[in-house]
Amino acid sequence: MKTNENFPKVKAAVIQAAPVLFDREASVEKACRLTQEAAAQGARLILFPEAFIPAYPRGLSFGTVVGSRSPQGRQTWQTYWANAVDIPSPAVTALGAAAREANAYLAIGVIERDGQSSQGTLYCTVLYFGPDGTLLGKHRKLKPTAAERLIWGEGDGSTLTVLDTEFGRMGGLICWENYMPLARMALYGKGVELYLAPTADSRDTWQSTLRHIACEGRCFVLGCNQYVTKDMYPADLIGLEDLASQPETMCRGGSVIISPLGEVLAGPLFDQEGMLFADLDLAQVAQSKFDFDVTGHYARPDVFQLIVKDKPTPPVTYRNHPEA
């Protein structure tokens, strides 16, 4: 008689921490150190928050109001841009090396600088590394929220990434993308089992969102946020006066790990840096789909269908014209 021995198990770690804000190299170094610490406790799947490198610039206006931008705000933007992550780059190489040394899958939020054309646009991105150090894929946030649209561009369907791993199919969405039903459905359609949800949302209501996704997708959900205080911002940052009215604790955290039936396995963790660990048994994914499978027996393709455009959409396409 076959039992759960055919299903993989993995120890997962969610790392709730702040970067060295607006310092790419120091933030990479911290990420690598924390990756090793998580691996030393047996983690084979390690998740960092949204925009961990170089920062989620909470509270900053970048000198922008409707109809105008200030010179000082452009300088704040320049600092942010200068500390963003190119692909490839030494930062990416270092993160890959950390994953290899940890023998773990590593997913980390970065601010990616577009290297394909203008080298101007920034994207809020998650990078996925394999245990051999290879960059396996990335996901660019489809829809930055509210004032995030001032600083980040929009991704497209080509990076709705779900990866095959020996522990299950891994993918995810960033922060309020998880409120987009069709984006979630696109991942469910790819069979996601290990659903990663790095975020900047520390509200209590976010916990309900993650538990809903676990129940809806019948997948493990790993939520990961930063713990950030105002004094972590560099004292010489242009635009720091924007924080005068902000609370001392800029982000409380709220990282959590949830089962495919919506049960909290670890966390939520608030008001401190720390790591959460949980042993994930993929047999629970199969068991959970007994009574609900959103893209299986609970789907109605005769009534509803989702079409996903999963090819890149470049702004300029060059074609060679045949000679006359």
Protein backbone atom coordinates (compact mmCIF):
# COMPACT_ATOMS: atom_id res chain seq x y z
CA MET A 1 0.00 0.00 0.00
CA LYS A 2 1.44 3.37 -1.03
CA THR A 3 1.57 6.12 1.59
CA ASN A 4 2.99 9.60 1.90
CA GLU A 5 6.53 8.32 1.31
CA ASN A 6 6.15 9.30 -2.35
CA PHE A 7 5.62 12.97 -1.49
CA PRO A 8 8.55 15.31 -0.90
CA LYS A 9 9.07 17.29 2.29
CA VAL A 10 11.04 20.49 2.73
CA LYS A 11 11.98 22.72 5.64
CA ALA A 12 11.16 26.31 4.69
CA ALA A 13 12.45 29.53 6.23
CA VAL A 14 10.90 32.98 6.01
CA ILE A 15 13.34 35.76 6.91
CA GLN A 16 11.82 38.89 8.42
CA ALA A 17 14.53 41.55 8.35
CA ALA A 18 15.42 44.95 6.98
CA PRO A 19 18.16 45.59 4.47
CA VAL A 20 20.88 48.14 4.99
CA LEU A 21 18.60 50.69 3.42
CA PHE A 22 19.72 52.25 0.13
CA ASP A 23 23.01 50.30 0.21
CA ARG A 24 23.04 47.49 -2.35
CA GLU A 25 26.37 45.90 -1.40
CA ALA A 26 25.70 45.92 2.34
CA SER A 27 22.18 44.57 1.78
CA VAL A 28 23.53 41.73 -0.38
CA GLU A 29 26.05 40.92 2.33
CA LYS A 30 23.29 40.80 4.97
CA ALA A 31 21.11 38.61 2.75
CA CYS A 32 23.96 36.16 2.22
CA ARG A 33 24.67 36.00 5.95
CA LEU A 34 21.03 35.40 6.85
CA THR A 35 20.77 32.74 4.13
CA GLN A 36 23.61 30.82 5.75
CA GLU A 37 22.01 31.16 9.17
CA ALA A 38 18.73 29.76 7.87
CA ALA A 39 20.51 26.91 6.11
CA ALA A 40 22.40 26.06 9.31
CA GLN A 41 18.99 25.33 10.85
CA GLY A 42 18.09 22.97 8.02
CA ALA A 43 16.17 25.24 5.62
CA ARG A 44 16.17 24.17 1.96
CA LEU A 45 13.71 26.85 0.83
CA ILE A 46 14.47 30.42 1.95
CA LEU A 47 12.34 33.49 1.30
CA PHE A 48 13.21 37.18 1.79
CA PRO A 49 10.77 40.14 1.67
CA GLU A 50 9.70 42.37 -1.17
CA ALA A 51 12.30 44.94 -2.26
CA PHE A 52 14.90 43.67 0.19
CA ILE A 53 17.70 45.02 -2.00
CA PRO A 54 18.18 47.94 -1.68
CA ALA A 55 14.97 49.09 0.11
CA TYR A 56 11.24 49.48 0.11
CA PRO A 57 11.27 53.31 0.30
CA ARG A 58 8.32 53.62 2.65
CA GLY A 59 7.34 57.18 3.54
CA LEU A 60 9.33 58.94 0.82
CA SER A 61 7.62 61.21 -1.70
CA PHE A 62 10.50 61.55 -4.19
CA GLY A 63 9.52 65.21 -4.37
CA THR A 64 6.39 64.43 -6.35
CA VAL A 65 2.94 65.95 -6.38
CA VAL A 66 0.43 65.87 -9.21
CA GLY A 67 1.86 68.03 -11.97
CA SER A 68 5.46 68.47 -10.79
CA ARG A 69 8.66 66.83 -9.56
CA SER A 70 11.31 68.59 -7.49
CA PRO A 71 15.07 68.58 -8.17
CA GLN A 72 15.63 67.12 -4.69
CA GLY A 73 13.21 64.32 -5.43
CA ARG A 74 15.12 63.48 -8.57
CA GLN A 75 18.27 63.18 -6.45
CA THR A 76 16.48 60.78 -4.09
CA TRP A 77 15.47 58.78 -7.14
CA GLN A 78 19.07 58.79 -8.38
CA THR A 79 20.24 57.27 -5.08
CA TYR A 80 17.59 54.57 -5.31
CA TRP A 81 18.41 53.91 -8.96
CA ALA A 82 22.15 53.72 -8.28
CA ASN A 83 21.63 51.00 -5.67
CA ALA A 84 19.28 48.87 -7.78
CA VAL A 85 20.25 45.44 -9.09
CA ASP A 86 21.33 44.71 -12.66
CA ILE A 87 20.93 41.21 -14.12
CA PRO A 88 23.59 39.90 -14.44
CA SER A 89 25.79 41.69 -11.91
CA PRO A 90 28.13 41.01 -8.96
CA ALA A 91 25.11 41.27 -6.65
CA VAL A 92 23.32 38.47 -8.49
CA THR A 93 26.50 36.38 -8.53
CA ALA A 94 26.88 36.80 -4.76
CA LEU A 95 23.28 35.78 -4.09
CA GLY A 96 23.70 32.73 -6.30
CA ALA A 97 26.84 31.78 -4.40
CA ALA A 98 24.92 32.08 -1.12
CA ALA A 99 22.21 29.75 -2.43
CA ARG A 100 24.85 27.27 -3.56
CA GLU A 101 26.67 27.33 -0.21
CA ALA A 102 23.35 26.87 1.56
CA ASN A 103 22.29 24.09 -0.84
CA ALA A 104 18.88 25.76 -0.84
CA TYR A 105 16.35 27.42 -3.08
CA LEU A 106 16.53 31.15 -2.44
CA ALA A 107 13.85 33.68 -3.39
CA ILE A 108 14.53 37.34 -2.69
CA GLY A 109 12.90 40.65 -3.51
CA VAL A 110 15.10 43.15 -5.34
CA ILE A 111 14.67 46.40 -7.19
CA GLU A 112 15.76 45.44 -10.69
CA ARG A 113 17.23 48.00 -13.06
CA ASP A 114 16.26 47.41 -16.67
CA GLY A 115 19.35 46.44 -18.58
CA GLN A 116 17.73 45.59 -21.89
CA SER A 117 17.23 49.05 -23.29
CA SER A 118 17.12 52.33 -21.39
CA GLN A 119 18.69 51.29 -18.07
CA GLY A 120 16.22 53.73 -16.59
CA THR A 121 13.10 51.89 -15.47
CA LEU A 122 13.12 50.06 -12.13
CA TYR A 123 11.04 46.97 -11.45
CA CYS A 124 9.98 45.38 -8.18
CA THR A 125 11.22 41.85 -8.79
CA VAL A 126 11.64 38.49 -7.10
CA LEU A 127 14.69 36.46 -8.08
CA TYR A 128 14.69 32.67 -7.79
CA PHE A 129 17.97 30.81 -7.27
CA GLY A 130 18.51 27.06 -7.29
CA PRO A 131 20.65 25.10 -4.82
CA ASP A 132 23.42 25.00 -7.43
CA GLY A 133 23.50 28.81 -7.45
CA THR A 134 21.81 29.19 -10.83
CA LEU A 135 19.38 32.07 -11.37
CA LEU A 136 16.34 29.99 -12.30
CA GLY A 137 13.93 32.80 -13.05
CA LYS A 138 12.35 36.03 -11.91
CA HIS A 139 8.99 37.67 -11.47
CA ARG A 140 8.36 41.37 -12.07
CA LYS A 141 5.46 42.92 -10.18
CA LEU A 142 2.56 43.36 -12.59
CA LYS A 143 0.92 46.34 -10.92
CA PRO A 144 2.71 48.63 -8.47
CA THR A 145 0.25 50.03 -5.95
CA ALA A 146 -0.60 53.71 -5.50
CA ALA A 147 2.57 55.85 -5.17
CA GLU A 148 4.74 52.84 -6.04
CA ARG A 149 3.79 53.65 -9.63
CA LEU A 150 5.98 56.74 -9.42
CA ILE A 151 9.12 54.66 -9.00
CA TRP A 152 8.49 51.20 -10.50
CA GLY A 153 7.46 50.03 -13.93
CA GLU A 154 4.95 47.26 -14.66
CA GLY A 155 5.95 43.70 -15.46
CA ASP A 156 4.23 41.55 -18.07
CA GLY A 157 2.95 38.02 -18.37
CA SER A 158 6.31 36.61 -19.37
CA THR A 159 7.47 36.53 -15.74
CA LEU A 160 4.49 34.78 -14.16
CA THR A 161 7.07 32.26 -13.08
CA VAL A 162 6.36 28.82 -11.58
CA LEU A 163 9.37 26.54 -11.26
CA ASP A 164 9.68 22.77 -10.96
CA THR A 165 11.75 21.80 -7.94
CA GLU A 166 12.34 18.47 -6.22
CA PHE A 167 10.11 19.77 -3.42
CA GLY A 168 7.17 20.90 -5.55
CA ARG A 169 6.18 23.64 -7.97
CA MET A 170 7.29 27.03 -6.64
CA GLY A 171 6.13 30.51 -7.65
CA GLY A 172 4.34 33.51 -6.29
CA LEU A 173 3.17 37.10 -6.49
CA ILE A 174 4.35 40.30 -4.80
CA CYS A 175 2.29 42.20 -2.22
CA TRP A 176 -1.01 43.52 -3.59
CA GLU A 177 -0.67 41.54 -6.82
CA ASN A 178 -2.13 38.87 -4.56
CA TYR A 179 -5.41 40.80 -4.61
CA MET A 180 -5.61 40.26 -8.40
CA PRO A 181 -7.84 37.19 -8.86
CA LEU A 182 -6.70 36.55 -12.44
CA ALA A 183 -3.01 36.72 -11.50
CA ARG A 184 -3.62 34.14 -8.77
CA MET A 185 -5.54 31.97 -11.21
CA ALA A 186 -2.65 32.13 -13.67
CA LEU A 187 -0.35 30.64 -11.01
CA TYR A 188 -2.90 28.04 -9.97
CA GLY A 189 -3.13 27.02 -13.61
CA LYS A 190 0.62 26.36 -13.56
CA GLY A 191 0.17 24.05 -10.58
CA VAL A 192 1.86 26.16 -7.89
CA GLU A 193 2.28 24.23 -4.63
CA LEU A 194 4.79 26.44 -2.80
CA TYR A 195 3.28 29.90 -3.11
CA LEU A 196 5.63 32.75 -2.13
CA ALA A 197 4.12 36.10 -1.17
CA PRO A 198 6.79 38.67 -0.25
CA THR A 199 5.11 41.91 0.75
CA ALA A 200 5.30 45.34 2.37
CA ASP A 201 1.84 45.05 3.97
CA SER A 202 1.93 44.64 7.75
CA ARG A 203 -1.79 45.10 8.43
CA ASP A 204 -3.79 42.45 10.24
CA THR A 205 -6.04 42.14 7.19
CA TRP A 206 -3.07 40.84 5.16
CA GLN A 207 -3.12 37.69 7.27
CA SER A 208 -6.65 37.00 6.06
CA THR A 209 -5.51 37.43 2.46
CA LEU A 210 -2.74 34.85 2.81
CA ARG A 211 -5.01 32.33 4.52
CA HIS A 212 -7.57 32.80 1.76
CA ILE A 213 -4.93 32.15 -0.92
CA ALA A 214 -3.86 28.96 0.83
CA CYS A 215 -7.46 27.71 0.96
CA GLU A 216 -8.22 28.87 -2.58
CA GLY A 217 -5.08 27.51 -4.23
CA ARG A 218 -4.67 24.50 -1.94
CA CYS A 219 -1.00 25.37 -1.60
CA PHE A 220 1.50 26.24 1.09
CA VAL A 221 1.76 30.03 1.40
CA LEU A 222 4.89 31.75 2.67
CA GLY A 223 4.32 35.41 3.54
CA CYS A 224 7.41 37.53 4.16
CA ASN A 225 7.73 41.16 5.20
CA GLN A 226 10.40 43.50 6.53
CA TYR A 227 10.72 44.85 10.05
CA VAL A 228 11.88 48.47 9.63
CA THR A 229 12.29 51.40 12.02
CA LYS A 230 12.81 55.03 11.11
CA ASP A 231 16.36 55.12 12.46
CA MET A 232 17.41 52.52 9.88
CA TYR A 233 17.23 55.13 7.10
CA PRO A 234 20.60 56.70 6.22
CA ALA A 235 20.98 60.06 7.97
CA ASP A 236 22.28 61.74 4.82
CA LEU A 237 19.48 60.56 2.52
CA ILE A 238 18.02 63.41 0.48
CA GLY A 239 14.31 63.59 1.19
CA LEU A 240 14.58 62.23 4.73
CA GLU A 241 12.42 65.12 5.97
CA ASP A 242 9.44 63.26 4.45
CA LEU A 243 9.61 60.89 7.42
CA ALA A 244 9.01 63.57 10.07
CA SER A 245 5.37 62.59 10.51
CA GLN A 246 5.95 58.84 10.20
CA PRO A 247 5.88 56.50 13.23
CA GLU A 248 9.13 55.17 14.66
CA THR A 249 8.21 51.66 13.52
CA MET A 250 7.81 52.00 9.78
CA CYS A 251 6.86 48.36 9.16
CA ARG A 252 5.84 45.83 11.84
CA GLY A 253 6.41 42.70 9.75
CA GLY A 254 3.77 39.99 9.91
CA SER A 255 5.62 37.15 8.19
CA VAL A 256 3.80 33.82 8.32
CA ILE A 257 3.71 30.28 6.92
CA ILE A 258 0.31 28.69 6.14
CA SER A 259 -0.83 25.18 5.18
CA PRO A 260 -2.95 24.26 2.14
CA LEU A 261 -6.01 24.18 4.42
CA GLY A 262 -5.37 27.67 5.73
CA GLU A 263 -3.84 26.66 9.05
CA VAL A 264 -1.02 28.85 10.42
CA LEU A 265 2.14 26.75 10.77
CA ALA A 266 4.48 29.53 11.95
CA GLY A 267 3.97 33.14 12.92
CA PRO A 268 2.76 35.71 12.33
CA LEU A 269 5.87 37.50 13.55
CA PHE A 270 5.52 41.19 14.49
CA ASP A 271 7.72 43.98 15.86
CA GLN A 272 11.11 42.32 15.51
CA GLU A 273 13.52 40.80 13.06
CA GLY A 274 13.57 37.03 13.02
CA MET A 275 13.14 33.80 11.10
CA LEU A 276 10.18 31.46 10.87
CA PHE A 277 10.59 27.78 10.04
CA ALA A 278 8.12 25.07 9.07
CA ASP A 279 8.36 21.55 7.71
CA LEU A 280 6.21 21.38 4.58
CA ASP A 281 4.83 17.96 3.59
CA LEU A 282 3.61 18.04 -0.01
CA ALA A 283 1.24 15.18 0.77
CA GLN A 284 -0.94 17.85 2.37
CA VAL A 285 -1.38 19.52 -1.02
CA ALA A 286 -2.81 16.30 -2.47
CA GLN A 287 -5.00 15.74 0.59
CA SER A 288 -6.36 19.29 0.46
CA LYS A 289 -7.55 18.90 -3.13
CA PHE A 290 -9.91 16.09 -2.15
CA ASP A 291 -12.78 18.54 -1.77
CA PHE A 292 -11.57 21.62 -3.68
CA ASP A 293 -9.32 22.00 -6.72
CA VAL A 294 -9.61 25.45 -8.25
CA THR A 295 -8.28 24.41 -11.68
CA GLY A 296 -9.58 20.83 -11.49
CA HIS A 297 -12.96 19.52 -10.41
CA TYR A 298 -14.00 22.93 -9.03
CA ALA A 299 -13.29 24.70 -12.31
CA ARG A 300 -16.00 25.37 -14.90
CA PRO A 301 -14.15 25.92 -18.18
CA ASP A 302 -17.46 25.61 -19.99
CA VAL A 303 -18.47 28.86 -18.26
CA PHE A 304 -15.17 30.64 -17.44
CA GLN A 305 -11.80 30.75 -19.21
CA LEU A 306 -8.66 32.78 -18.53
CA ILE A 307 -6.29 33.70 -21.36
CA VAL A 308 -2.78 34.65 -20.22
CA LYS A 309 -0.42 36.50 -22.54
CA ASP A 310 2.86 34.96 -21.43
CA LYS A 311 5.22 36.44 -24.02
CA PRO A 312 7.36 39.57 -23.50
CA THR A 313 5.89 42.79 -24.84
CA PRO A 314 8.85 44.96 -25.88
CA PRO A 315 8.11 48.59 -26.85
CA VAL A 316 10.21 48.32 -29.98
CA THR A 317 10.50 45.34 -32.33
CA TYR A 318 13.10 45.30 -35.10
CA ARG A 319 12.61 43.18 -38.21
CA ASN A 320 15.01 42.53 -41.05
CA HIS A 321 13.40 43.50 -44.33
CA PRO A 322 14.25 41.26 -47.30
CA GLU A 323 16.30 42.94 -49.97
CA ALA A 324 14.37 44.15 -52.97
